Protein backbone atom coordinates (compact mmCIF):
# COMPACT_ATOMS: atom_id res chain seq x y z
CA MET A 1 -29.29 -12.25 -21.20
CA SER A 2 -28.38 -15.78 -20.12
CA THR A 3 -26.44 -16.56 -16.99
CA PRO A 4 -23.42 -18.04 -18.85
CA THR A 5 -23.11 -14.82 -20.85
CA ILE A 6 -23.11 -12.72 -17.66
CA GLU A 7 -20.51 -14.99 -16.09
CA ASN A 8 -18.33 -14.78 -19.18
CA GLY A 9 -18.59 -10.98 -19.12
CA ALA A 10 -17.62 -10.86 -15.43
CA ALA A 11 -14.67 -13.16 -16.10
CA ALA A 12 -13.54 -10.91 -18.95
CA VAL A 13 -13.70 -7.82 -16.71
CA THR A 14 -11.74 -9.63 -13.99
CA ALA A 15 -9.07 -10.73 -16.46
CA ALA A 16 -8.82 -7.20 -17.84
CA ALA A 17 -8.49 -5.69 -14.35
CA ARG A 18 -5.76 -8.11 -13.31
CA GLY A 19 -4.03 -8.13 -16.70
CA LEU A 20 -3.50 -4.39 -16.96
CA PRO A 21 0.13 -3.29 -17.43
CA THR A 22 1.86 -2.67 -14.13
CA GLU A 23 2.62 0.98 -14.84
CA VAL A 24 -1.09 1.69 -15.42
CA LYS A 25 -2.04 0.20 -12.06
CA ILE A 26 0.75 2.08 -10.27
CA VAL A 27 -0.31 5.42 -11.75
CA GLY A 28 -3.98 4.69 -11.05
CA ALA A 29 -3.32 3.89 -7.39
CA VAL A 30 -1.09 6.96 -6.89
CA VAL A 31 -3.50 9.36 -8.61
CA PHE A 32 -6.48 7.97 -6.69
CA THR A 33 -4.63 8.41 -3.41
CA PHE A 34 -3.64 12.00 -4.20
CA VAL A 35 -7.23 12.82 -5.19
CA VAL A 36 -8.52 11.40 -1.91
CA VAL A 37 -5.99 13.43 0.08
CA ALA A 38 -6.91 16.59 -1.84
CA THR A 39 -10.62 16.21 -1.08
CA PRO A 40 -11.95 18.53 1.67
CA ARG A 41 -12.70 16.48 4.77
CA GLU A 42 -16.03 18.27 5.25
CA ALA A 43 -17.41 16.68 2.03
CA MET A 44 -18.34 13.38 3.65
CA TRP A 45 -20.51 12.33 0.72
CA ALA A 46 -17.43 12.38 -1.51
CA PHE A 47 -15.69 9.78 0.64
CA ALA A 48 -18.77 7.56 0.47
CA LEU A 49 -18.44 7.67 -3.33
CA TYR A 50 -14.72 6.87 -3.06
CA PHE A 51 -15.53 3.76 -1.04
CA SER A 52 -18.08 2.82 -3.71
CA ILE A 53 -15.38 3.11 -6.39
CA VAL A 54 -13.01 0.96 -4.31
CA ALA A 55 -15.75 -1.63 -3.74
CA ALA A 56 -16.49 -1.76 -7.47
CA VAL A 57 -12.82 -2.30 -8.29
CA CYS A 58 -12.57 -5.06 -5.66
CA VAL A 59 -15.63 -6.79 -7.13
CA ALA A 60 -14.28 -6.47 -10.67
CA ALA A 61 -10.88 -7.86 -9.64
CA ARG A 62 -12.47 -10.48 -7.33
CA ILE A 63 -10.52 -9.39 -4.27
CA ARG A 64 -12.03 -11.00 -1.18
CA LEU A 65 -12.81 -9.02 1.95
CA SER A 66 -11.15 -11.78 3.98
CA TRP A 67 -7.90 -10.99 2.15
CA LEU A 68 -8.15 -7.23 2.66
CA LEU A 69 -9.15 -6.94 6.32
CA PRO A 70 -6.12 -8.64 7.96
CA ARG A 71 -3.72 -6.54 5.88
CA MET A 72 -5.45 -3.29 6.79
CA SER A 73 -4.06 -3.62 10.32
CA ILE A 74 -1.03 -1.65 9.07
CA GLU A 75 -2.99 1.57 9.68
CA LEU A 76 -3.72 0.85 13.36
CA PRO A 77 -1.04 3.30 14.67
CA PHE A 78 -2.69 6.11 12.72
CA LEU A 79 -6.10 5.15 14.09
CA VAL A 80 -4.73 5.45 17.63
CA LEU A 81 -3.54 8.96 16.82
CA ALA A 82 -6.95 9.81 15.37
CA VAL A 83 -8.71 8.67 18.55
CA LEU A 84 -6.59 11.05 20.64
CA LEU A 85 -7.12 14.15 18.49
CA PRO A 86 -10.68 15.01 19.65
CA PHE A 87 -9.40 15.18 23.22
CA ALA A 88 -6.12 17.00 22.54
CA GLU A 89 -7.17 19.66 20.02
CA SER A 90 -8.39 23.10 21.10
CA GLY A 91 -11.26 25.14 19.66
CA THR A 92 -15.02 24.72 19.79
CA ARG A 93 -16.06 21.74 21.89
CA VAL A 94 -19.14 19.54 22.02
CA GLU A 95 -20.44 17.17 24.68
CA TRP A 96 -20.99 13.52 23.80
CA LEU A 97 -21.69 10.80 26.38
CA GLY A 98 -20.21 13.02 29.06
CA LEU A 99 -17.01 13.62 27.08
CA SER A 100 -15.82 17.04 25.94
CA LEU A 101 -14.65 16.71 22.35
CA SER A 102 -12.99 19.28 20.10
CA VAL A 103 -14.83 19.95 16.84
CA PRO A 104 -11.58 20.64 14.88
CA GLY A 105 -10.15 17.50 16.47
CA LEU A 106 -13.15 15.47 15.32
CA TYR A 107 -12.72 16.72 11.77
CA ALA A 108 -8.97 16.00 11.89
CA ALA A 109 -9.61 12.48 13.22
CA TRP A 110 -12.22 11.88 10.52
CA GLY A 111 -9.80 13.04 7.84
CA ILE A 112 -7.00 10.78 9.08
CA VAL A 113 -9.23 7.71 9.35
CA VAL A 114 -11.09 8.00 6.05
CA LYS A 115 -8.17 9.18 3.91
CA GLY A 116 -5.74 6.72 5.47
CA THR A 117 -8.17 3.83 4.99
CA LEU A 118 -8.77 4.69 1.34
CA GLY A 119 -5.02 5.04 0.73
CA VAL A 120 -4.35 1.65 2.31
CA LEU A 121 -7.14 0.07 0.26
CA ALA A 122 -5.70 1.52 -2.96
CA SER A 123 -2.26 0.09 -2.18
CA LEU A 124 -3.72 -3.30 -1.23
CA ILE A 125 -5.68 -3.48 -4.48
CA LEU A 126 -2.44 -2.78 -6.34
CA ALA A 127 -0.69 -5.52 -4.36
CA ALA A 128 -3.53 -8.00 -4.94
CA THR A 129 -3.63 -7.52 -8.71
CA THR A 130 0.08 -7.08 -9.45
CA PRO A 131 2.73 -9.82 -9.18
CA VAL A 132 5.72 -8.65 -7.16
CA GLN A 133 8.17 -9.48 -9.93
CA ASP A 134 6.36 -7.10 -12.31
CA LEU A 135 6.82 -3.98 -10.16
CA PRO A 136 10.43 -3.13 -11.16
CA GLY A 137 9.59 -3.37 -14.86
CA GLY A 138 6.57 -1.11 -14.40
CA LEU A 139 8.65 1.45 -12.54
CA THR A 140 11.26 1.38 -15.29
CA ARG A 141 8.62 2.04 -17.96
CA LEU A 142 7.44 5.01 -15.87
CA HIS A 143 11.01 6.38 -16.06
CA VAL A 144 11.54 6.18 -12.31
CA PRO A 145 15.23 6.83 -11.48
CA PRO A 146 17.22 3.59 -11.90
CA LEU A 147 18.60 3.76 -8.36
CA ILE A 148 15.12 3.74 -6.84
CA THR A 149 14.01 0.89 -9.10
CA THR A 150 17.08 -1.15 -8.16
CA VAL A 151 16.48 -0.58 -4.45
CA VAL A 152 12.86 -1.71 -4.83
CA LEU A 153 13.94 -4.79 -6.78
CA LEU A 154 16.51 -5.85 -4.20
CA MET A 155 14.16 -5.11 -1.30
CA LEU A 156 11.46 -7.31 -2.81
CA ARG A 157 13.96 -10.04 -3.65
CA TYR A 158 15.70 -10.25 -0.29
CA ALA A 159 13.00 -9.34 2.23
CA THR A 160 12.04 -13.01 2.56
CA LEU A 161 15.70 -14.01 2.92
CA LEU A 162 16.22 -11.52 5.74
CA ALA A 163 13.04 -12.71 7.44
CA ALA A 164 14.31 -16.30 7.23
CA GLU A 165 17.69 -15.20 8.63
CA ALA A 166 15.98 -13.45 11.56
CA LYS A 167 13.87 -16.55 12.21
CA SER A 168 16.92 -18.84 12.23
CA MET A 169 18.70 -16.49 14.66
CA ASP A 170 15.64 -16.50 16.93
CA ILE A 171 15.47 -20.30 16.88
CA ALA A 172 19.17 -20.51 17.71
CA ARG A 173 18.70 -18.17 20.69
CA ARG A 174 15.71 -20.10 22.02
CA SER A 175 17.51 -23.44 21.65
CA ARG A 176 20.19 -22.07 23.99
CA GLY A 177 17.63 -21.24 26.67
CA ASP A 178 17.07 -17.56 25.87
CA ASP A 179 13.59 -16.05 26.23
CA PRO A 180 13.29 -12.73 24.34
CA ARG A 181 10.01 -11.96 26.13
CA MET A 182 11.84 -11.35 29.41
CA LEU A 183 12.80 -7.73 30.06
CA HIS A 184 16.36 -8.44 31.19
CA ARG A 185 17.02 -10.07 27.80
CA ILE A 186 16.45 -6.83 25.91
CA GLY A 187 20.23 -6.36 25.55
CA ALA A 188 20.58 -9.70 23.78
CA THR A 189 17.67 -8.80 21.53
CA ALA A 190 19.32 -5.50 20.59
CA ARG A 191 22.60 -7.29 19.82
CA GLY A 192 20.67 -9.75 17.65
CA VAL A 193 19.14 -6.89 15.66
CA GLY A 194 22.60 -5.38 15.19
CA SER A 195 24.00 -8.70 14.05
CA LEU A 196 21.16 -9.07 11.56
CA PHE A 197 21.90 -5.59 10.19
CA VAL A 198 25.60 -6.46 9.73
CA ARG A 199 24.72 -9.73 8.00
CA ALA A 200 22.26 -7.95 5.71
CA TYR A 201 24.87 -5.32 4.81
CA GLU A 202 27.50 -7.96 4.05
CA ARG A 203 25.04 -10.00 2.00
CA GLY A 204 24.02 -6.90 0.05
CA GLU A 205 27.65 -6.06 -0.67
CA ARG A 206 28.34 -9.56 -1.96
CA VAL A 207 25.22 -9.50 -4.12
CA HIS A 208 26.19 -6.10 -5.53
CA TRP A 209 29.65 -7.30 -6.54
CA ALA A 210 28.15 -10.44 -8.08
CA MET A 211 25.73 -8.32 -10.12
CA LEU A 212 28.53 -6.06 -11.34
CA SER A 213 30.59 -9.07 -12.38
CA ARG A 214 27.65 -10.25 -14.50
CA GLY A 215 27.34 -6.97 -16.39
CA PHE A 216 24.82 -5.06 -14.26
CA THR A 217 24.75 -1.41 -15.42
CA GLY A 218 22.67 0.08 -12.61
CA ALA A 219 19.31 0.01 -14.39
CA VAL A 220 16.58 -2.63 -14.34
CA PRO A 221 15.56 -3.54 -17.91
CA ALA A 222 11.91 -2.96 -18.79
CA THR A 223 10.37 -6.30 -19.68
CA GLY A 224 7.13 -6.65 -21.59
CA SER A 225 5.38 -4.25 -23.92
CA ALA A 226 4.30 -0.70 -23.11
CA ALA A 227 0.70 0.01 -22.17
CA THR A 228 -1.70 0.89 -24.96
CA ARG A 229 -4.08 3.84 -24.94
CA THR A 230 -6.98 1.48 -24.30
CA ALA A 231 -5.23 0.06 -21.25
CA TRP A 232 -4.52 3.55 -19.92
CA ALA A 233 -8.13 4.62 -20.46
CA PHE A 234 -9.55 1.51 -18.77
CA GLY A 235 -7.04 1.44 -15.93
CA LEU A 236 -7.35 5.14 -15.03
CA MET A 237 -11.14 5.15 -15.08
CA PRO A 238 -11.51 4.81 -11.26
CA ALA A 239 -8.99 7.61 -10.71
CA ALA A 240 -10.81 9.80 -13.25
CA LEU A 241 -14.14 9.20 -11.50
CA ALA A 242 -12.49 10.08 -8.19
CA GLY A 243 -11.11 13.27 -9.74
CA ALA A 244 -14.61 14.28 -10.86
CA VAL A 245 -15.93 13.67 -7.34
CA CYS A 246 -13.11 15.76 -5.86
CA ALA A 247 -13.83 18.63 -8.26
CA ALA A 248 -17.52 18.50 -7.36
CA ALA A 249 -16.65 18.48 -3.66
CA TRP A 250 -14.56 21.64 -3.99
CA GLY A 251 -17.21 23.24 -6.19
CA GLY A 252 -19.87 22.63 -3.56
CA LEU A 253 -17.96 24.42 -0.77
């Protein structure tokens, strides 16, 4: 097979992975995450296969490692908790480099790290392959309650506006000689957060009345066509493979 043919095939796979209907990708990510959580933590080989599935999806969708790694820092608080568990848990203990570690704590830490990392990777893959503006429509086609879909839509729409508002307030404070890094300024910082909350609430109220005046009925309309059976079969393939691995892991216990 010639190199151009291989490249064309890879491009077609990438386009198919990124062009899947939003609802298919949402269901695939959620099912994959639930399968990972349901896998017994003692079956370490199963998690190695899960990482292989994630790596294959990343390659197919051409998601760069340099894009994933900075965004995985969101799980750092959970990693800190995992590091403490081997020291805090009771039960059988083992010695390692002069440290007394709990065996149940080690298993618990392993479970938190590996399952949390896989869950974060699944959500990041969804974010990398799905435009933000397509999420509300996908949720609507999945028959998610209209209130939740509306909240998601407004959150996505106005998160950047609130961030810009917070930045402008911070610049205004600094231009008046305030330094939020100083401990005695913590009161001013707290008042600034409260003021931002009030502004956000007032802005949300104005936006809500404007939407009602333009005929908003409380539901986000589903744009685009529904997913075909082929799209569902292709999009849920990684989740189905993960489900087979999970079943084998439980069968081997």
